[in-house]
Amino acid sequence: MLTVIICTYNRAKYIGPLLESLAANDLAKSEYEILLVDNNCTDNTRAICDAFAAAHKDVRFRYVVEPEQGLSAARNKGIKEAKGDIIVYVDDDALVDAHYLRDYAEWFAAHQETMACGGPIEPLYETEEPKWMSPYTKALLTAWMNYGDKVREYPKGCYPGGGNAAYRKEVFDNVGLFNTALGRKGGNLMGSEEKDIFDKMHALHMQVLYLPTPVLHHCIPQAKLEKDYFDRLTLQIGISERQRTLAISKSKYFKRLFSECVKWGGTIVLLCGYTISFHPVKGWKLILFRRNVTRGLLGFAR
């Protein structure tokens, strides 16, 4: 059985449509449950969920509260409460296709060696895509991810997006739970908690695959395209990577610093390429991205 876990904090605007899209899936209702983890919501999330449960009595739906603030804590609560042997994390501001759950269920049933997998994430803009957007900033701001129409391993250094990822529950028995020192907390934009899990899985040679068919549509409001959000997010990426790598070892941190230097070289090459092709604004946005990540990585948080 699948347990679909939705961790949420004040996203009432999106919860209703997401739950309806899950209920419209063509997987038999007996084959999955929906577990919503309320991470101290102060909006009307509970009322929306109660209305959904009343209207969909055929759906196995549970509502739990995690009082410890933070996405990692909420994810861990979901793992502990899950009744399914397959855990599917779905972002609380997204929509899924009608075959989404069946695609995951059928793959895990037929491929016992697969321990985790993820699918494409496509942005669903509430306004227009800005002119400075490039594939790199799109991946950053919208979690956009698409590695083609074939099942494959993720490219080196890549892993499923946190909002569209499925695991065998036993994974967490082997690698532990999400690190609560990492990940978002309220309005804080920290990250790296998924990368931490997948690094541990990689060390144990667990198979993680990209599946092309379980597509998640990520709702993107205008606020996520503003400069303030961009600056806060990119700075927190650096801070998160600093904390994650130093928690492992100083050697791991210095390797991450070296990779940052390499990424700077690639960013400058991209700037030149975009400038030559008359799209300099895309390149300069990447420079700002890299600058903020580097500041956070070096500990210059202010």
C-alpha atoms as a PDB file:
ATOM      1  CA  MET A   1       0.000   0.000   0.000  1.00  0.00           C
ATOM      2  CA  LEU A   2       1.086   3.578  -0.669  1.00  0.00           C
ATOM      3  CA  THR A   3       1.023   6.316   1.936  1.00  0.00           C
ATOM      4  CA  VAL A   4       0.856   9.744   0.309  1.00  0.00           C
ATOM      5  CA  ILE A   5       2.331  12.249   2.744  1.00  0.00           C
ATOM      6  CA  ILE A   6       1.544  15.954   2.435  1.00  0.00           C
ATOM      7  CA  CYS A   7       3.470  18.156   4.852  1.00  0.00           C
ATOM      8  CA  THR A   8       1.897  21.581   5.054  1.00  0.00           C
ATOM      9  CA  TYR A   9       2.297  24.959   6.681  1.00  0.00           C
ATOM     10  CA  ASN A  10      -0.293  27.643   5.843  1.00  0.00           C
ATOM     11  CA  ARG A  11      -1.006  26.611   2.248  1.00  0.00           C
ATOM     12  CA  ALA A  12      -4.797  26.443   2.532  1.00  0.00           C
ATOM     13  CA  LYS A  13      -5.174  27.988  -0.941  1.00  0.00           C
ATOM     14  CA  TYR A  14      -3.680  24.888  -2.559  1.00  0.00           C
ATOM     15  CA  ILE A  15      -4.651  22.016  -0.248  1.00  0.00           C
ATOM     16  CA  GLY A  16      -8.207  21.534  -1.561  1.00  0.00           C
ATOM     17  CA  PRO A  17      -7.258  21.218  -5.264  1.00  0.00           C
ATOM     18  CA  LEU A  18      -4.328  18.934  -4.398  1.00  0.00           C
ATOM     19  CA  LEU A  19      -6.508  16.572  -2.368  1.00  0.00           C
ATOM     20  CA  GLU A  20      -9.094  16.490  -5.152  1.00  0.00           C
ATOM     21  CA  SER A  21      -6.412  15.627  -7.721  1.00  0.00           C
ATOM     22  CA  LEU A  22      -5.242  12.739  -5.537  1.00  0.00           C
ATOM     23  CA  ALA A  23      -8.800  11.486  -5.006  1.00  0.00           C
ATOM     24  CA  ALA A  24      -9.311  11.526  -8.783  1.00  0.00           C
ATOM     25  CA  ASN A  25      -6.435   9.063  -9.294  1.00  0.00           C
ATOM     26  CA  ASP A  26      -7.218   5.771 -10.997  1.00  0.00           C
ATOM     27  CA  LEU A  27      -5.454   3.626  -8.385  1.00  0.00           C
ATOM     28  CA  ALA A  28      -7.936   1.628  -6.306  1.00  0.00           C
ATOM     29  CA  LYS A  29      -8.814   3.477  -3.099  1.00  0.00           C
ATOM     30  CA  SER A  30      -7.863   0.375  -1.098  1.00  0.00           C
ATOM     31  CA  GLU A  31      -4.294   0.653  -2.415  1.00  0.00           C
ATOM     32  CA  TYR A  32      -3.393   4.006  -0.866  1.00  0.00           C
ATOM     33  CA  GLU A  33      -3.961   6.368   2.013  1.00  0.00           C
ATOM     34  CA  ILE A  34      -3.473  10.136   2.239  1.00  0.00           C
ATOM     35  CA  LEU A  35      -1.742  11.404   5.350  1.00  0.00           C
ATOM     36  CA  LEU A  36      -1.691  15.165   5.854  1.00  0.00           C
ATOM     37  CA  VAL A  37       0.824  16.465   8.397  1.00  0.00           C
ATOM     38  CA  ASP A  38      -0.172  19.880   9.748  1.00  0.00           C
ATOM     39  CA  ASN A  39       3.029  21.662  10.821  1.00  0.00           C
ATOM     40  CA  ASN A  40       1.297  24.279  13.021  1.00  0.00           C
ATOM     41  CA  CYS A  41      -0.952  25.857  10.396  1.00  0.00           C
ATOM     42  CA  THR A  42      -2.751  29.014  11.494  1.00  0.00           C
ATOM     43  CA  ASP A  43      -5.033  29.267   8.436  1.00  0.00           C
ATOM     44  CA  ASN A  44      -8.144  27.221   7.580  1.00  0.00           C
ATOM     45  CA  THR A  45      -6.274  24.109   6.425  1.00  0.00           C
ATOM     46  CA  ARG A  46      -8.100  21.943   8.980  1.00  0.00           C
ATOM     47  CA  ALA A  47     -11.534  23.053   7.816  1.00  0.00           C
ATOM     48  CA  ILE A  48     -10.669  22.354   4.175  1.00  0.00           C
ATOM     49  CA  CYS A  49      -9.403  18.895   5.081  1.00  0.00           C
ATOM     50  CA  ASP A  50     -12.487  18.121   7.152  1.00  0.00           C
ATOM     51  CA  ALA A  51     -14.685  19.092   4.206  1.00  0.00           C
ATOM     52  CA  PHE A  52     -12.633  16.872   1.892  1.00  0.00           C
ATOM     53  CA  ALA A  53     -12.890  13.900   4.245  1.00  0.00           C
ATOM     54  CA  ALA A  54     -16.662  14.346   4.509  1.00  0.00           C
ATOM     55  CA  ALA A  55     -17.057  14.512   0.732  1.00  0.00           C
ATOM     56  CA  HIS A  56     -14.733  11.557   0.031  1.00  0.00           C
ATOM     57  CA  LYS A  57     -15.578   8.868   2.540  1.00  0.00           C
ATOM     58  CA  ASP A  58     -14.143   6.261   0.173  1.00  0.00           C
ATOM     59  CA  VAL A  59     -10.640   7.777   0.507  1.00  0.00           C
ATOM     60  CA  ARG A  60      -8.449   6.729   3.395  1.00  0.00           C
ATOM     61  CA  PHE A  61      -7.541  10.148   4.761  1.00  0.00           C
ATOM     62  CA  ARG A  62      -5.835  10.988   8.029  1.00  0.00           C
ATOM     63  CA  TYR A  63      -4.913  14.347   9.541  1.00  0.00           C
ATOM     64  CA  VAL A  64      -2.097  14.593  12.087  1.00  0.00           C
ATOM     65  CA  VAL A  65      -0.273  17.505  13.693  1.00  0.00           C
ATOM     66  CA  GLU A  66       3.490  17.829  14.125  1.00  0.00           C
ATOM     67  CA  PRO A  67       4.156  20.538  16.742  1.00  0.00           C
ATOM     68  CA  GLU A  68       7.913  20.697  16.097  1.00  0.00           C
ATOM     69  CA  GLN A  69       8.287  23.362  13.430  1.00  0.00           C
ATOM     70  CA  GLY A  70      10.091  22.315  10.278  1.00  0.00           C
ATOM     71  CA  LEU A  71       9.598  20.339   7.085  1.00  0.00           C
ATOM     72  CA  SER A  72      12.017  17.619   8.182  1.00  0.00           C
ATOM     73  CA  ALA A  73      10.135  17.126  11.451  1.00  0.00           C
ATOM     74  CA  ALA A  74       6.852  16.949   9.531  1.00  0.00           C
ATOM     75  CA  ARG A  75       8.295  14.421   7.073  1.00  0.00           C
ATOM     76  CA  ASN A  76       9.546  12.298   9.952  1.00  0.00           C
ATOM     77  CA  LYS A  77       6.103  12.406  11.563  1.00  0.00           C
ATOM     78  CA  GLY A  78       4.667  11.113   8.306  1.00  0.00           C
ATOM     79  CA  ILE A  79       7.123   8.220   8.204  1.00  0.00           C
ATOM     80  CA  LYS A  80       6.230   7.201  11.755  1.00  0.00           C
ATOM     81  CA  GLU A  81       2.478   7.416  11.065  1.00  0.00           C
ATOM     82  CA  ALA A  82       2.502   5.781   7.623  1.00  0.00           C
ATOM     83  CA  LYS A  83       0.727   2.460   7.260  1.00  0.00           C
ATOM     84  CA  GLY A  84       1.960   1.829   3.711  1.00  0.00           C
ATOM     85  CA  ASP A  85       5.234   0.191   2.762  1.00  0.00           C
ATOM     86  CA  ILE A  86       5.719   2.790   0.014  1.00  0.00           C
ATOM     87  CA  ILE A  87       5.903   6.457   0.984  1.00  0.00           C
ATOM     88  CA  VAL A  88       5.133   9.152  -1.597  1.00  0.00           C
ATOM     89  CA  TYR A  89       5.876  12.763  -0.682  1.00  0.00           C
ATOM     90  CA  VAL A  90       3.784  15.340  -2.550  1.00  0.00           C
ATOM     91  CA  ASP A  91       4.249  19.101  -2.180  1.00  0.00           C
ATOM     92  CA  ASP A  92       1.339  20.930  -0.584  1.00  0.00           C
ATOM     93  CA  ASP A  93       1.149  23.466  -3.439  1.00  0.00           C
ATOM     94  CA  ALA A  94       0.878  21.051  -6.353  1.00  0.00           C
ATOM     95  CA  LEU A  95      -1.456  18.999  -8.533  1.00  0.00           C
ATOM     96  CA  VAL A  96      -0.970  15.456  -9.861  1.00  0.00           C
ATOM     97  CA  ASP A  97      -2.199  13.581 -12.928  1.00  0.00           C
ATOM     98  CA  ALA A  98      -4.880  10.879 -12.737  1.00  0.00           C
ATOM     99  CA  HIS A  99      -2.373   8.029 -13.173  1.00  0.00           C
ATOM    100  CA  TYR A 100       0.207   9.469 -10.757  1.00  0.00           C
ATOM    101  CA  LEU A 101      -0.264   7.023  -7.875  1.00  0.00           C
ATOM    102  CA  ARG A 102      -0.709   3.994 -10.133  1.00  0.00           C
ATOM    103  CA  ASP A 103       2.584   4.727 -11.866  1.00  0.00           C
ATOM    104  CA  TYR A 104       4.466   4.608  -8.568  1.00  0.00           C
ATOM    105  CA  ALA A 105       2.552   1.593  -7.232  1.00  0.00           C
ATOM    106  CA  GLU A 106       3.111  -0.493 -10.351  1.00  0.00           C
ATOM    107  CA  TRP A 107       6.813   0.351 -10.597  1.00  0.00           C
ATOM    108  CA  PHE A 108       7.602  -0.597  -6.990  1.00  0.00           C
ATOM    109  CA  ALA A 109       5.541  -3.790  -7.266  1.00  0.00           C
ATOM    110  CA  ALA A 110       7.428  -4.908 -10.373  1.00  0.00           C
ATOM    111  CA  HIS A 111      10.943  -3.772  -9.371  1.00  0.00           C
ATOM    112  CA  GLN A 112      11.932  -4.924  -5.915  1.00  0.00           C
ATOM    113  CA  GLU A 113      15.470  -3.590  -6.368  1.00  0.00           C
ATOM    114  CA  THR A 114      14.257   0.019  -6.626  1.00  0.00           C
ATOM    115  CA  MET A 115      14.424   1.707  -3.231  1.00  0.00           C
ATOM    116  CA  ALA A 116      13.352   5.204  -4.257  1.00  0.00           C
ATOM    117  CA  CYS A 117      12.290   7.084  -7.350  1.00  0.00           C
ATOM    118  CA  GLY A 118      10.971  10.431  -8.479  1.00  0.00           C
ATOM    119  CA  GLY A 119       9.233  11.959 -11.446  1.00  0.00           C
ATOM    120  CA  PRO A 120       9.091  15.187 -13.453  1.00  0.00           C
ATOM    121  CA  ILE A 121       8.100  18.452 -11.814  1.00  0.00           C
ATOM    122  CA  GLU A 122       6.539  21.047 -14.106  1.00  0.00           C
ATOM    123  CA  PRO A 123       5.862  24.653 -13.055  1.00  0.00           C
ATOM    124  CA  LEU A 124       2.288  25.908 -13.119  1.00  0.00           C
ATOM    125  CA  TYR A 125       2.712  29.684 -13.160  1.00  0.00           C
ATOM    126  CA  GLU A 126      -0.004  31.887 -11.699  1.00  0.00           C
ATOM    127  CA  THR A 127       1.508  34.778 -13.665  1.00  0.00           C
ATOM    128  CA  GLU A 128       3.937  34.906 -16.595  1.00  0.00           C
ATOM    129  CA  GLU A 129       7.422  33.400 -16.610  1.00  0.00           C
ATOM    130  CA  PRO A 130       9.952  36.272 -16.235  1.00  0.00           C
ATOM    131  CA  LYS A 131      12.397  37.049 -19.038  1.00  0.00           C
ATOM    132  CA  TRP A 132      15.407  36.338 -16.804  1.00  0.00           C
ATOM    133  CA  MET A 133      14.318  32.746 -16.261  1.00  0.00           C
ATOM    134  CA  SER A 134      16.684  30.087 -17.584  1.00  0.00           C
ATOM    135  CA  PRO A 135      16.627  26.291 -17.108  1.00  0.00           C
ATOM    136  CA  TYR A 136      18.944  26.770 -14.118  1.00  0.00           C
ATOM    137  CA  THR A 137      16.878  29.395 -12.304  1.00  0.00           C
ATOM    138  CA  LYS A 138      13.703  27.500 -13.219  1.00  0.00           C
ATOM    139  CA  ALA A 139      15.041  24.427 -11.430  1.00  0.00           C
ATOM    140  CA  LEU A 140      15.939  26.590  -8.449  1.00  0.00           C
ATOM    141  CA  LEU A 141      12.718  28.580  -8.063  1.00  0.00           C
ATOM    142  CA  THR A 142      10.057  26.182  -9.333  1.00  0.00           C
ATOM    143  CA  ALA A 143      11.741  22.813  -8.614  1.00  0.00           C
ATOM    144  CA  TRP A 144      11.392  22.127 -12.361  1.00  0.00           C
ATOM    145  CA  MET A 145      12.845  18.735 -13.200  1.00  0.00           C
ATOM    146  CA  ASN A 146      12.626  16.678 -16.358  1.00  0.00           C
ATOM    147  CA  TYR A 147      15.150  14.095 -17.498  1.00  0.00           C
ATOM    148  CA  GLY A 148      13.280  12.860 -20.538  1.00  0.00           C
ATOM    149  CA  ASP A 149      10.749  10.178 -21.404  1.00  0.00           C
ATOM    150  CA  LYS A 150      12.738   7.084 -20.381  1.00  0.00           C
ATOM    151  CA  VAL A 151      13.300   5.385 -17.038  1.00  0.00           C
ATOM    152  CA  ARG A 152      16.901   6.074 -16.022  1.00  0.00           C
ATOM    153  CA  GLU A 153      19.283   6.714 -13.181  1.00  0.00           C
ATOM    154  CA  TYR A 154      19.588  10.344 -12.133  1.00  0.00           C
ATOM    155  CA  PRO A 155      22.572  12.268 -13.525  1.00  0.00           C
ATOM    156  CA  LYS A 156      25.563  12.332 -11.194  1.00  0.00           C
ATOM    157  CA  GLY A 157      24.928  14.681  -8.299  1.00  0.00           C
ATOM    158  CA  CYS A 158      21.161  14.819  -8.948  1.00  0.00           C
ATOM    159  CA  TYR A 159      18.274  13.213  -7.089  1.00  0.00           C
ATOM    160  CA  PRO A 160      14.445  13.325  -6.963  1.00  0.00           C
ATOM    161  CA  GLY A 161      12.807  16.626  -6.134  1.00  0.00           C
ATOM    162  CA  GLY A 162      11.489  16.627  -2.573  1.00  0.00           C
ATOM    163  CA  GLY A 163       7.952  17.404  -3.699  1.00  0.00           C
ATOM    164  CA  ASN A 164       7.705  14.391  -6.010  1.00  0.00           C
ATOM    165  CA  ALA A 165       9.616  11.515  -4.465  1.00  0.00           C
ATOM    166  CA  ALA A 166       8.697   7.970  -3.446  1.00  0.00           C
ATOM    167  CA  TYR A 167      10.580   5.635  -1.110  1.00  0.00           C
ATOM    168  CA  ARG A 168      10.267   2.161   0.271  1.00  0.00           C
ATOM    169  CA  LYS A 169       9.618   2.726   3.951  1.00  0.00           C
ATOM    170  CA  GLU A 170      12.497   0.410   4.828  1.00  0.00           C
ATOM    171  CA  VAL A 171      14.920   3.008   3.423  1.00  0.00           C
ATOM    172  CA  PHE A 172      14.515   5.044   6.589  1.00  0.00           C
ATOM    173  CA  ASP A 173      15.239   2.001   8.759  1.00  0.00           C
ATOM    174  CA  ASN A 174      18.635   1.852   7.058  1.00  0.00           C
ATOM    175  CA  VAL A 175      19.632   5.517   6.626  1.00  0.00           C
ATOM    176  CA  GLY A 176      17.679   7.157   9.445  1.00  0.00           C
ATOM    177  CA  LEU A 177      15.113   9.939   9.343  1.00  0.00           C
ATOM    178  CA  PHE A 178      15.377  13.430   7.861  1.00  0.00           C
ATOM    179  CA  ASN A 179      17.835  15.701   9.636  1.00  0.00           C
ATOM    180  CA  THR A 180      15.750  18.253  11.539  1.00  0.00           C
ATOM    181  CA  ALA A 181      18.658  20.721  11.529  1.00  0.00           C
ATOM    182  CA  LEU A 182      18.099  20.977   7.763  1.00  0.00           C
ATOM    183  CA  GLY A 183      15.026  21.849   5.711  1.00  0.00           C
ATOM    184  CA  ARG A 184      12.484  24.634   5.846  1.00  0.00           C
ATOM    185  CA  LYS A 185      11.046  25.897   9.088  1.00  0.00           C
ATOM    186  CA  GLY A 186       8.102  28.252   8.806  1.00  0.00           C
ATOM    187  CA  GLY A 187       9.255  31.083   6.553  1.00  0.00           C
ATOM    188  CA  ASN A 188      12.882  29.922   6.656  1.00  0.00           C
ATOM    189  CA  LEU A 189      14.101  28.580   3.287  1.00  0.00           C
ATOM    190  CA  MET A 190      16.785  26.129   4.435  1.00  0.00           C
ATOM    191  CA  GLY A 191      17.206  22.941   2.413  1.00  0.00           C
ATOM    192  CA  SER A 192      19.549  19.972   1.760  1.00  0.00           C
ATOM    193  CA  GLU A 193      17.562  17.499   3.857  1.00  0.00           C
ATOM    194  CA  GLU A 194      16.687  15.412   0.785  1.00  0.00           C
ATOM    195  CA  LYS A 195      20.268  15.530  -0.481  1.00  0.00           C
ATOM    196  CA  ASP A 196      21.388  14.247   2.917  1.00  0.00           C
ATOM    197  CA  ILE A 197      19.067  11.222   2.601  1.00  0.00           C
ATOM    198  CA  PHE A 198      20.076  10.427  -0.972  1.00  0.00           C
ATOM    199  CA  ASP A 199      23.786  10.730  -0.145  1.00  0.00           C
ATOM    200  CA  LYS A 200      23.292   8.088   2.541  1.00  0.00           C
ATOM    201  CA  MET A 201      21.340   5.894   0.138  1.00  0.00           C
ATOM    202  CA  HIS A 202      24.072   6.243  -2.466  1.00  0.00           C
ATOM    203  CA  ALA A 203      26.683   5.169   0.098  1.00  0.00           C
ATOM    204  CA  LEU A 204      24.658   1.973   0.644  1.00  0.00           C
ATOM    205  CA  HIS A 205      24.304   1.417  -3.139  1.00  0.00           C
ATOM    206  CA  MET A 206      20.517   1.710  -3.039  1.00  0.00           C
ATOM    207  CA  GLN A 207      18.867   2.092  -6.434  1.00  0.00           C
ATOM    208  CA  VAL A 208      17.195   5.464  -7.051  1.00  0.00           C
ATOM    209  CA  LEU A 209      15.504   5.967 -10.430  1.00  0.00           C
ATOM    210  CA  TYR A 210      13.834   8.682 -12.466  1.00  0.00           C
ATOM    211  CA  LEU A 211      10.392   7.721 -13.796  1.00  0.00           C
ATOM    212  CA  PRO A 212       9.027   9.874 -16.644  1.00  0.00           C
ATOM    213  CA  THR A 213       5.297   9.381 -16.044  1.00  0.00           C
ATOM    214  CA  PRO A 214       4.342  10.414 -12.475  1.00  0.00           C
ATOM    215  CA  VAL A 215       4.271  14.149 -13.232  1.00  0.00           C
ATOM    216  CA  LEU A 216       3.714  16.738 -10.531  1.00  0.00           C
ATOM    217  CA  HIS A 217       2.523  20.258 -11.432  1.00  0.00           C
ATOM    218  CA  HIS A 218       3.990  22.793  -9.008  1.00  0.00           C
ATOM    219  CA  CYS A 219       1.965  25.986  -8.496  1.00  0.00           C
ATOM    220  CA  ILE A 220       4.189  29.083  -8.688  1.00  0.00           C
ATOM    221  CA  PRO A 221       2.780  32.390  -7.371  1.00  0.00           C
ATOM    222  CA  GLN A 222       4.289  35.754  -8.277  1.00  0.00           C
ATOM    223  CA  ALA A 223       5.878  36.002  -4.823  1.00  0.00           C
ATOM    224  CA  LYS A 224       8.282  33.187  -5.711  1.00  0.00           C
ATOM    225  CA  LEU A 225       9.523  35.197  -8.691  1.00  0.00           C
ATOM    226  CA  GLU A 226      10.379  38.323  -6.694  1.00  0.00           C
ATOM    227  CA  LYS A 227      13.935  39.433  -5.846  1.00  0.00           C
ATOM    228  CA  ASP A 228      13.465  39.061  -2.078  1.00  0.00           C
ATOM    229  CA  TYR A 229      12.460  35.400  -2.375  1.00  0.00           C
ATOM    230  CA  PHE A 230      15.278  34.715  -4.848  1.00  0.00           C
ATOM    231  CA  ASP A 231      17.906  36.239  -2.550  1.00  0.00           C
ATOM    232  CA  ARG A 232      16.644  34.471   0.572  1.00  0.00           C
ATOM    233  CA  LEU A 233      16.385  31.099  -1.153  1.00  0.00           C
ATOM    234  CA  THR A 234      19.814  31.173  -2.762  1.00  0.00           C
ATOM    235  CA  LEU A 235      21.497  32.352   0.435  1.00  0.00           C
ATOM    236  CA  GLN A 236      19.821  29.551   2.398  1.00  0.00           C
ATOM    237  CA  ILE A 237      21.054  26.990  -0.125  1.00  0.00           C
ATOM    238  CA  GLY A 238      24.610  27.965   0.745  1.00  0.00           C
ATOM    239  CA  ILE A 239      23.910  27.986   4.487  1.00  0.00           C
ATOM    240  CA  SER A 240      22.268  24.560   4.266  1.00  0.00           C
ATOM    241  CA  GLU A 241      25.189  23.094   2.337  1.00  0.00           C
ATOM    242  CA  ARG A 242      27.633  24.533   4.871  1.00  0.00           C
ATOM    243  CA  GLN A 243      25.748  22.927   7.759  1.00  0.00           C
ATOM    244  CA  ARG A 244      25.226  19.608   5.960  1.00  0.00           C
ATOM    245  CA  THR A 245      28.834  19.128   4.890  1.00  0.00           C
ATOM    246  CA  LEU A 246      30.434  20.340   8.131  1.00  0.00           C
ATOM    247  CA  ALA A 247      28.202  17.913  10.044  1.00  0.00           C
ATOM    248  CA  ILE A 248      29.851  15.118   8.038  1.00  0.00           C
ATOM    249  CA  SER A 249      33.470  16.319   8.124  1.00  0.00           C
ATOM    250  CA  LYS A 250      35.729  19.266   7.335  1.00  0.00           C
ATOM    251  CA  SER A 251      37.001  17.291   4.365  1.00  0.00           C
ATOM    252  CA  LYS A 252      33.463  17.071   2.971  1.00  0.00           C
ATOM    253  CA  TYR A 253      33.066  20.829   3.450  1.00  0.00           C
ATOM    254  CA  PHE A 254      36.310  21.630   1.632  1.00  0.00           C
ATOM    255  CA  LYS A 255      35.293  19.349  -1.240  1.00  0.00           C
ATOM    256  CA  ARG A 256      32.054  21.311  -1.435  1.00  0.00           C
ATOM    257  CA  LEU A 257      34.037  24.561  -1.539  1.00  0.00           C
ATOM    258  CA  PHE A 258      36.087  23.184  -4.412  1.00  0.00           C
ATOM    259  CA  SER A 259      32.934  22.218  -6.302  1.00  0.00           C
ATOM    260  CA  GLU A 260      31.655  25.765  -5.734  1.00  0.00           C
ATOM    261  CA  CYS A 261      34.739  27.095  -7.501  1.00  0.00           C
ATOM    262  CA  VAL A 262      34.028  24.779 -10.410  1.00  0.00           C
ATOM    263  CA  LYS A 263      30.424  25.974 -10.492  1.00  0.00           C
ATOM    264  CA  TRP A 264      31.635  29.566 -10.622  1.00  0.00           C
ATOM    265  CA  GLY A 265      33.593  28.708 -13.744  1.00  0.00           C
ATOM    266  CA  GLY A 266      30.511  27.163 -15.326  1.00  0.00           C
ATOM    267  CA  THR A 267      28.391  30.161 -14.330  1.00  0.00           C
ATOM    268  CA  ILE A 268      30.800  32.584 -16.014  1.00  0.00           C
ATOM    269  CA  VAL A 269      30.747  30.462 -19.165  1.00  0.00           C
ATOM    270  CA  LEU A 270      26.940  30.566 -19.131  1.00  0.00           C
ATOM    271  CA  LEU A 271      26.997  34.348 -18.649  1.00  0.00           C
ATOM    272  CA  CYS A 272      29.174  34.690 -21.733  1.00  0.00           C
ATOM    273  CA  GLY A 273      26.929  32.378 -23.709  1.00  0.00           C
ATOM    274  CA  TYR A 274      23.736  34.202 -22.769  1.00  0.00           C
ATOM    275  CA  THR A 275      25.369  37.562 -23.478  1.00  0.00           C
ATOM    276  CA  ILE A 276      26.498  36.466 -26.942  1.00  0.00           C
ATOM    277  CA  SER A 277      22.973  35.199 -27.675  1.00  0.00           C
ATOM    278  CA  PHE A 278      21.488  38.565 -26.586  1.00  0.00           C
ATOM    279  CA  HIS A 279      19.998  37.273 -23.302  1.00  0.00           C
ATOM    280  CA  PRO A 280      22.423  38.804 -20.752  1.00  0.00           C
ATOM    281  CA  VAL A 281      19.700  39.141 -18.108  1.00  0.00           C
ATOM    282  CA  LYS A 282      19.552  35.342 -17.837  1.00  0.00           C
ATOM    283  CA  GLY A 283      23.300  35.177 -17.269  1.00  0.00           C
ATOM    284  CA  TRP A 284      23.429  37.929 -14.675  1.00  0.00           C
ATOM    285  CA  LYS A 285      20.661  36.255 -12.704  1.00  0.00           C
ATOM    286  CA  LEU A 286      22.873  33.167 -12.515  1.00  0.00           C
ATOM    287  CA  ILE A 287      25.751  35.319 -11.229  1.00  0.00           C
ATOM    288  CA  LEU A 288      23.489  36.591  -8.428  1.00  0.00           C
ATOM    289  CA  PHE A 289      22.445  33.008  -7.724  1.00  0.00           C
ATOM    290  CA  ARG A 290      26.047  31.845  -7.418  1.00  0.00           C
ATOM    291  CA  ARG A 291      27.068  34.885  -5.347  1.00  0.00           C
ATOM    292  CA  ASN A 292      24.385  34.256  -2.759  1.00  0.00           C
ATOM    293  CA  VAL A 293      25.093  30.524  -2.517  1.00  0.00           C
ATOM    294  CA  THR A 294      28.794  31.229  -2.032  1.00  0.00           C
ATOM    295  CA  ARG A 295      28.103  33.783   0.693  1.00  0.00           C
ATOM    296  CA  GLY A 296      26.015  31.255   2.599  1.00  0.00           C
ATOM    297  CA  LEU A 297      28.545  28.497   2.065  1.00  0.00           C
ATOM    298  CA  LEU A 298      31.338  30.672   3.460  1.00  0.00           C
ATOM    299  CA  GLY A 299      29.256  31.687   6.486  1.00  0.00           C
ATOM    300  CA  PHE A 300      28.540  35.249   5.369  1.00  0.00           C
ATOM    301  CA  ALA A 301      24.838  35.022   6.136  1.00  0.00           C
ATOM    302  CA  ARG A 302      24.331  38.762   6.445  1.00  0.00           C
END
